[in-house]
Amino acid sequence: MAQRIGQKLKLSSIDELLGVPSTEGTVDLDVLTIYPFENHPFKVIDDEKMEELVESIKESGVLTPVLVRPDDEGTYEMISGHRRLHAAKRAGLRKIPAIIKEMTNDDATVAMVDSNMQREEILPSERAFSLKMKMDALNHQGKRTDLTLSTEETKLHSATEVGESVGLKRAQVHRYIRLTYLIPKLLDMVDTGRLALSVAVELSYFNHTYQQWLYEYIHENGMLKQEQLLDLRQYRDDDSLTQEQMIEFLIQKKATPQTRKKITITERKLNKYFPAYYSQTEIERVIVGLLEQWKASQESEEK
């Protein structure tokens, strides 16, 4: 649930949403009456950690109740606890401790994302779809609660709030959300570390047919260079290319030697920023140091 303090949207914690400590007000629900959150973006995988959770539940039961909301058919939608429910079923449990909470669709989405963002390991695809879901929910809440903001202002405000809640800048939030426009094969390459986030974002602007061709090119010829993608930008809104034309373009750009950049900074320009007593070595050290800081900030934004 969201509440407005001045002009800033403040997101309540899960405990605040529940209104009670997590160990109170629980009921035992039949595991078969609980179904996953619609379009749940976080994967439930039978990996080593899941095996550990199953063994823990066999020994001690489910110690932390799941959070669900009721529907009109006597069943419940899972908000927080998908992995625990899966492990409980594998451990042979028929019932699981749960807290039942009435929630709007927007509040349920925010609570689902916030609770799962506490995981130690989150795949880029999981982060991308969850951030998009939360931002869409906040956009919807913003439209209902603040009629003074334009649609664009609401989106910017929501992106800022989403970023602050997970330690990301607004620009980083938008970059992750761009991943939701990728075809599954390219998105899987991002999750497995075979495709850099910056390259994936660039690919996301092409239609799905072009993305499929680009995936096939990468699969057969190796990773694309940044220069190839930048030159391909002119075809983002052009669907007239054939696959043969695209491949020919990429091969031509790959074979074209890159012109070395030559940048000259006159002494007059440098004198605006450095005292006269600075030596050439000292000036170079300052410039290189500032460039290193800039490079580090760019890399941090891409993570």
Protein backbone atom coordinates (compact mmCIF):
# COMPACT_ATOMS: atom_id res chain seq x y z
CA MET A 1 0.00 0.00 0.00
CA ALA A 2 1.23 3.50 -0.70
CA GLN A 3 0.72 6.62 1.35
CA ARG A 4 1.64 10.16 0.39
CA ILE A 5 3.82 12.31 2.58
CA GLY A 6 4.01 15.78 1.02
CA GLN A 7 4.69 15.01 -2.62
CA LYS A 8 6.73 11.86 -2.03
CA LEU A 9 5.26 8.39 -2.41
CA LYS A 10 6.26 6.13 0.46
CA LEU A 11 5.97 2.36 0.11
CA SER A 12 4.94 0.41 3.15
CA SER A 13 6.87 -2.67 4.18
CA ILE A 14 5.35 -6.15 4.09
CA ASP A 15 4.82 -6.05 7.85
CA GLU A 16 3.05 -2.71 7.51
CA LEU A 17 0.86 -4.14 4.78
CA LEU A 18 -0.07 -7.02 7.05
CA GLY A 19 -0.59 -4.84 10.08
CA VAL A 20 0.69 -7.65 12.32
CA PRO A 21 4.04 -9.32 13.03
CA SER A 22 4.83 -12.11 10.59
CA THR A 23 4.45 -14.80 13.26
CA GLU A 24 0.97 -13.74 14.34
CA GLY A 25 -2.44 -14.23 12.80
CA THR A 26 -1.45 -17.29 10.78
CA VAL A 27 -3.76 -20.04 9.59
CA ASP A 28 -2.96 -23.42 8.07
CA LEU A 29 -4.04 -23.56 4.44
CA ASP A 30 -4.26 -26.57 2.15
CA VAL A 31 -1.32 -26.27 -0.27
CA LEU A 32 -3.66 -27.15 -3.15
CA THR A 33 -5.78 -24.04 -2.53
CA ILE A 34 -2.88 -21.66 -3.24
CA TYR A 35 -1.96 -20.69 -6.80
CA PRO A 36 0.99 -18.57 -8.07
CA PHE A 37 0.84 -14.82 -8.48
CA GLU A 38 -0.23 -13.97 -12.03
CA ASN A 39 2.83 -13.52 -14.27
CA HIS A 40 5.15 -14.14 -11.33
CA PRO A 41 8.55 -12.95 -12.62
CA PHE A 42 10.77 -14.88 -10.21
CA LYS A 43 11.79 -18.40 -11.16
CA VAL A 44 11.28 -21.31 -8.76
CA ILE A 45 14.10 -23.71 -9.59
CA ASP A 46 14.94 -27.14 -8.21
CA ASP A 47 18.57 -26.28 -7.52
CA GLU A 48 20.89 -26.97 -4.58
CA LYS A 49 19.33 -24.23 -2.47
CA MET A 50 15.87 -25.67 -3.08
CA GLU A 51 17.11 -29.09 -1.93
CA GLU A 52 18.38 -27.46 1.27
CA LEU A 53 15.02 -25.75 1.81
CA VAL A 54 13.15 -29.02 1.29
CA GLU A 55 15.35 -30.79 3.85
CA SER A 56 14.91 -27.92 6.31
CA ILE A 57 11.13 -28.09 5.96
CA LYS A 58 11.17 -31.86 6.45
CA GLU A 59 13.04 -31.37 9.73
CA SER A 60 11.46 -28.19 11.12
CA GLY A 61 8.41 -27.39 9.01
CA VAL A 62 7.71 -24.00 7.38
CA LEU A 63 8.93 -21.47 9.96
CA THR A 64 7.92 -18.29 8.11
CA PRO A 65 4.29 -18.12 6.95
CA VAL A 66 3.53 -17.29 3.33
CA LEU A 67 1.46 -14.25 2.40
CA VAL A 68 -1.66 -14.77 0.30
CA ARG A 69 -4.77 -12.86 -0.69
CA PRO A 70 -8.21 -14.46 -1.02
CA ASP A 71 -10.28 -14.58 -4.20
CA ASP A 72 -14.00 -15.08 -4.67
CA GLU A 73 -13.74 -18.85 -5.21
CA GLY A 74 -12.36 -19.94 -1.84
CA THR A 75 -8.78 -20.18 -3.09
CA TYR A 76 -5.78 -17.92 -2.58
CA GLU A 77 -3.23 -16.10 -4.72
CA MET A 78 0.36 -16.30 -3.48
CA ILE A 79 1.98 -12.94 -2.78
CA SER A 80 5.14 -13.98 -0.96
CA GLY A 81 6.39 -17.54 -0.49
CA HIS A 82 6.45 -19.29 -3.87
CA ARG A 83 9.69 -21.13 -3.07
CA ARG A 84 8.43 -22.17 0.38
CA LEU A 85 5.20 -23.51 -1.11
CA HIS A 86 7.09 -25.50 -3.74
CA ALA A 87 9.45 -26.90 -1.13
CA ALA A 88 6.56 -27.74 1.19
CA LYS A 89 4.86 -29.72 -1.55
CA ARG A 90 8.09 -31.57 -2.30
CA ALA A 91 8.49 -32.30 1.41
CA GLY A 92 5.04 -33.89 1.42
CA LEU A 93 3.22 -31.27 3.49
CA ARG A 94 -0.54 -30.99 2.99
CA LYS A 95 -0.88 -27.65 4.78
CA ILE A 96 1.27 -24.55 5.10
CA PRO A 97 1.11 -21.63 7.58
CA ALA A 98 -0.18 -18.52 5.86
CA ILE A 99 -1.29 -14.96 6.51
CA ILE A 100 -4.38 -13.97 4.55
CA LYS A 101 -4.54 -10.32 3.57
CA GLU A 102 -7.04 -8.44 1.43
CA MET A 103 -5.12 -6.39 -1.14
CA THR A 104 -5.79 -4.43 -4.30
CA ASN A 105 -4.04 -5.59 -7.46
CA ASP A 106 -1.54 -2.72 -7.23
CA ASP A 107 -0.77 -3.30 -3.54
CA ALA A 108 -0.36 -7.03 -4.17
CA THR A 109 2.08 -6.39 -7.02
CA VAL A 110 4.21 -4.02 -4.93
CA ALA A 111 4.25 -6.46 -2.00
CA MET A 112 5.16 -9.40 -4.26
CA VAL A 113 8.06 -7.56 -5.86
CA ASP A 114 9.39 -6.11 -2.59
CA SER A 115 9.37 -9.46 -0.81
CA ASN A 116 11.18 -11.25 -3.63
CA MET A 117 13.75 -8.50 -4.08
CA GLN A 118 15.20 -9.60 -0.73
CA ARG A 119 16.69 -12.69 -2.41
CA GLU A 120 20.48 -12.93 -2.49
CA GLU A 121 20.61 -13.82 -6.19
CA ILE A 122 18.32 -12.25 -8.76
CA LEU A 123 18.63 -12.88 -12.48
CA PRO A 124 18.60 -9.85 -14.81
CA SER A 125 15.35 -11.10 -16.37
CA GLU A 126 13.72 -11.43 -12.94
CA ARG A 127 14.85 -7.93 -11.99
CA ALA A 128 13.64 -6.55 -15.33
CA PHE A 129 10.10 -7.95 -15.22
CA SER A 130 9.64 -7.30 -11.50
CA LEU A 131 10.75 -3.67 -11.85
CA LYS A 132 8.34 -3.22 -14.76
CA MET A 133 5.46 -4.75 -12.80
CA LYS A 134 6.14 -2.56 -9.79
CA MET A 135 6.53 0.59 -11.85
CA ASP A 136 3.28 -0.13 -13.70
CA ALA A 137 1.55 -0.57 -10.34
CA LEU A 138 2.95 2.69 -9.00
CA ASN A 139 2.03 4.48 -12.21
CA HIS A 140 -1.53 3.26 -11.77
CA GLN A 141 -1.57 4.31 -8.12
CA GLY A 142 -0.14 7.70 -9.06
CA LYS A 143 -2.85 8.31 -11.64
CA ARG A 144 -5.51 7.55 -9.04
CA THR A 145 -4.04 9.56 -6.17
CA ASP A 146 -2.41 12.58 -7.79
CA LEU A 147 -4.38 14.25 -10.56
CA THR A 148 -1.91 17.17 -10.65
CA LEU A 149 0.87 15.09 -12.25
CA SER A 150 1.03 14.39 -15.97
CA THR A 151 1.42 10.82 -17.22
CA GLU A 152 5.11 11.43 -17.98
CA GLU A 153 5.72 12.99 -14.55
CA THR A 154 4.02 10.02 -12.92
CA LYS A 155 6.31 7.61 -14.81
CA LEU A 156 9.45 9.55 -13.85
CA HIS A 157 8.32 9.69 -10.23
CA SER A 158 7.55 5.96 -10.18
CA ALA A 159 10.89 5.05 -11.77
CA THR A 160 12.68 7.08 -9.10
CA GLU A 161 10.73 5.41 -6.29
CA VAL A 162 11.31 1.94 -7.73
CA GLY A 163 15.01 2.61 -8.07
CA GLU A 164 15.39 3.93 -4.54
CA SER A 165 13.72 0.82 -3.13
CA VAL A 166 16.31 -1.49 -4.74
CA GLY A 167 19.38 0.75 -4.79
CA LEU A 168 19.26 1.67 -8.48
CA LYS A 169 19.24 4.99 -10.28
CA ARG A 170 16.25 5.93 -12.41
CA ALA A 171 18.26 5.43 -15.62
CA GLN A 172 19.26 1.93 -14.45
CA VAL A 173 15.62 1.06 -13.82
CA HIS A 174 14.74 2.05 -17.38
CA ARG A 175 17.65 0.02 -18.77
CA TYR A 176 16.54 -3.10 -16.93
CA ILE A 177 12.96 -2.64 -18.09
CA ARG A 178 14.22 -2.53 -21.69
CA LEU A 179 15.21 -6.20 -21.23
CA THR A 180 11.50 -7.12 -21.15
CA TYR A 181 11.39 -6.30 -24.88
CA LEU A 182 13.95 -8.99 -25.75
CA ILE A 183 13.06 -12.33 -27.29
CA PRO A 184 13.53 -15.23 -24.81
CA LYS A 185 16.73 -16.52 -26.47
CA LEU A 186 18.51 -13.18 -26.08
CA LEU A 187 17.17 -12.71 -22.56
CA ASP A 188 18.52 -16.13 -21.63
CA MET A 189 21.95 -15.02 -22.88
CA VAL A 190 21.76 -12.06 -20.50
CA ASP A 191 20.83 -14.33 -17.58
CA THR A 192 23.73 -16.68 -18.29
CA GLY A 193 26.23 -13.84 -18.64
CA ARG A 194 26.85 -14.35 -22.36
CA LEU A 195 25.36 -11.00 -23.34
CA ALA A 196 26.32 -7.72 -21.68
CA LEU A 197 23.52 -5.54 -20.35
CA SER A 198 24.54 -2.58 -22.53
CA VAL A 199 24.44 -4.71 -25.70
CA ALA A 200 21.13 -6.29 -24.67
CA VAL A 201 19.55 -2.88 -24.14
CA GLU A 202 20.65 -1.84 -27.63
CA LEU A 203 19.18 -5.03 -29.12
CA SER A 204 15.87 -4.50 -27.31
CA TYR A 205 14.94 -1.60 -29.60
CA PHE A 206 14.73 -3.86 -32.67
CA ASN A 207 11.57 -5.75 -33.59
CA HIS A 208 11.41 -9.44 -32.71
CA THR A 209 12.15 -10.59 -36.25
CA TYR A 210 15.37 -8.58 -36.35
CA GLN A 211 16.23 -9.79 -32.85
CA GLN A 212 15.91 -13.40 -34.02
CA TRP A 213 18.26 -12.69 -36.93
CA LEU A 214 20.72 -10.95 -34.62
CA TYR A 215 20.60 -13.92 -32.24
CA GLU A 216 21.37 -16.29 -35.12
CA TYR A 217 24.25 -14.07 -36.22
CA ILE A 218 25.71 -14.04 -32.69
CA HIS A 219 25.27 -17.82 -32.43
CA GLU A 220 27.15 -18.41 -35.68
CA ASN A 221 29.68 -15.56 -35.77
CA GLY A 222 30.33 -14.56 -32.18
CA MET A 223 29.43 -11.45 -30.26
CA LEU A 224 28.48 -8.24 -32.02
CA LYS A 225 30.68 -5.18 -31.68
CA GLN A 226 29.26 -2.01 -30.23
CA GLU A 227 30.09 -0.20 -33.50
CA GLN A 228 27.95 -2.65 -35.49
CA LEU A 229 24.95 -2.05 -33.24
CA LEU A 230 25.33 1.71 -33.30
CA ASP A 231 25.35 1.68 -37.09
CA LEU A 232 22.28 -0.57 -37.08
CA ARG A 233 20.26 2.01 -35.16
CA GLN A 234 19.08 3.52 -38.42
CA TYR A 235 17.04 0.34 -39.03
CA ARG A 236 15.19 0.31 -35.68
CA ASP A 237 11.97 1.58 -37.25
CA ASP A 238 12.61 0.08 -40.67
CA ASP A 239 11.16 -3.41 -41.25
CA SER A 240 12.19 -3.62 -44.90
CA LEU A 241 15.55 -5.32 -44.31
CA THR A 242 15.95 -8.94 -45.34
CA GLN A 243 18.05 -11.31 -43.26
CA GLU A 244 20.62 -11.49 -46.05
CA GLN A 245 20.92 -7.69 -46.13
CA MET A 246 21.36 -7.53 -42.36
CA ILE A 247 24.06 -10.21 -42.35
CA GLU A 248 25.88 -8.49 -45.23
CA PHE A 249 25.73 -5.19 -43.33
CA LEU A 250 27.08 -6.74 -40.12
CA ILE A 251 29.90 -8.56 -41.87
CA GLN A 252 30.88 -5.41 -43.77
CA LYS A 253 30.96 -3.36 -40.56
CA LYS A 254 32.94 -6.06 -38.78
CA ALA A 255 35.55 -6.09 -41.55
CA THR A 256 35.85 -2.31 -41.73
CA PRO A 257 38.85 -1.14 -39.70
CA GLN A 258 37.94 1.43 -37.09
CA THR A 259 39.46 4.86 -37.53
CA ARG A 260 41.57 5.74 -34.52
CA LYS A 261 40.21 8.74 -32.69
CA LYS A 262 42.55 11.68 -32.30
CA ILE A 263 41.62 14.32 -29.76
CA THR A 264 43.62 17.49 -29.27
CA ILE A 265 43.23 19.73 -26.24
CA THR A 266 44.96 23.05 -26.65
CA GLU A 267 47.06 24.59 -23.89
CA ARG A 268 44.67 27.52 -23.86
CA LYS A 269 41.77 25.26 -22.95
CA LEU A 270 43.78 23.51 -20.25
CA ASN A 271 44.81 26.82 -18.69
CA LYS A 272 41.17 27.46 -17.84
CA TYR A 273 41.24 24.55 -15.39
CA PHE A 274 44.85 24.20 -14.17
CA PRO A 275 47.11 26.65 -12.31
CA ALA A 276 50.15 27.84 -14.23
CA TYR A 277 52.53 26.01 -11.91
CA TYR A 278 51.08 22.55 -12.73
CA SER A 279 53.53 20.47 -14.74
CA GLN A 280 52.49 18.40 -17.77
CA THR A 281 52.79 15.22 -15.70
CA GLU A 282 50.52 16.61 -12.99
CA ILE A 283 47.93 17.70 -15.55
CA GLU A 284 47.94 14.25 -17.20
CA ARG A 285 47.56 12.57 -13.81
CA VAL A 286 44.49 14.69 -12.96
CA ILE A 287 42.88 14.10 -16.36
CA VAL A 288 43.46 10.33 -16.25
CA GLY A 289 42.13 10.21 -12.67
CA LEU A 290 38.93 11.99 -13.67
CA LEU A 291 38.49 9.68 -16.66
CA GLU A 292 38.90 6.64 -14.40
CA GLN A 293 36.16 8.01 -12.11
CA TRP A 294 33.89 8.59 -15.11
CA LYS A 295 34.51 5.07 -16.45
CA ALA A 296 33.74 3.54 -13.04
CA SER A 297 30.48 5.47 -12.79
CA GLN A 298 29.42 4.30 -16.28
CA GLU A 299 30.18 0.67 -15.43
CA SER A 300 28.25 0.88 -12.15
CA GLU A 301 25.18 2.19 -13.97
CA GLU A 302 25.25 -0.78 -16.34
CA LYS A 303 25.22 -3.37 -13.54
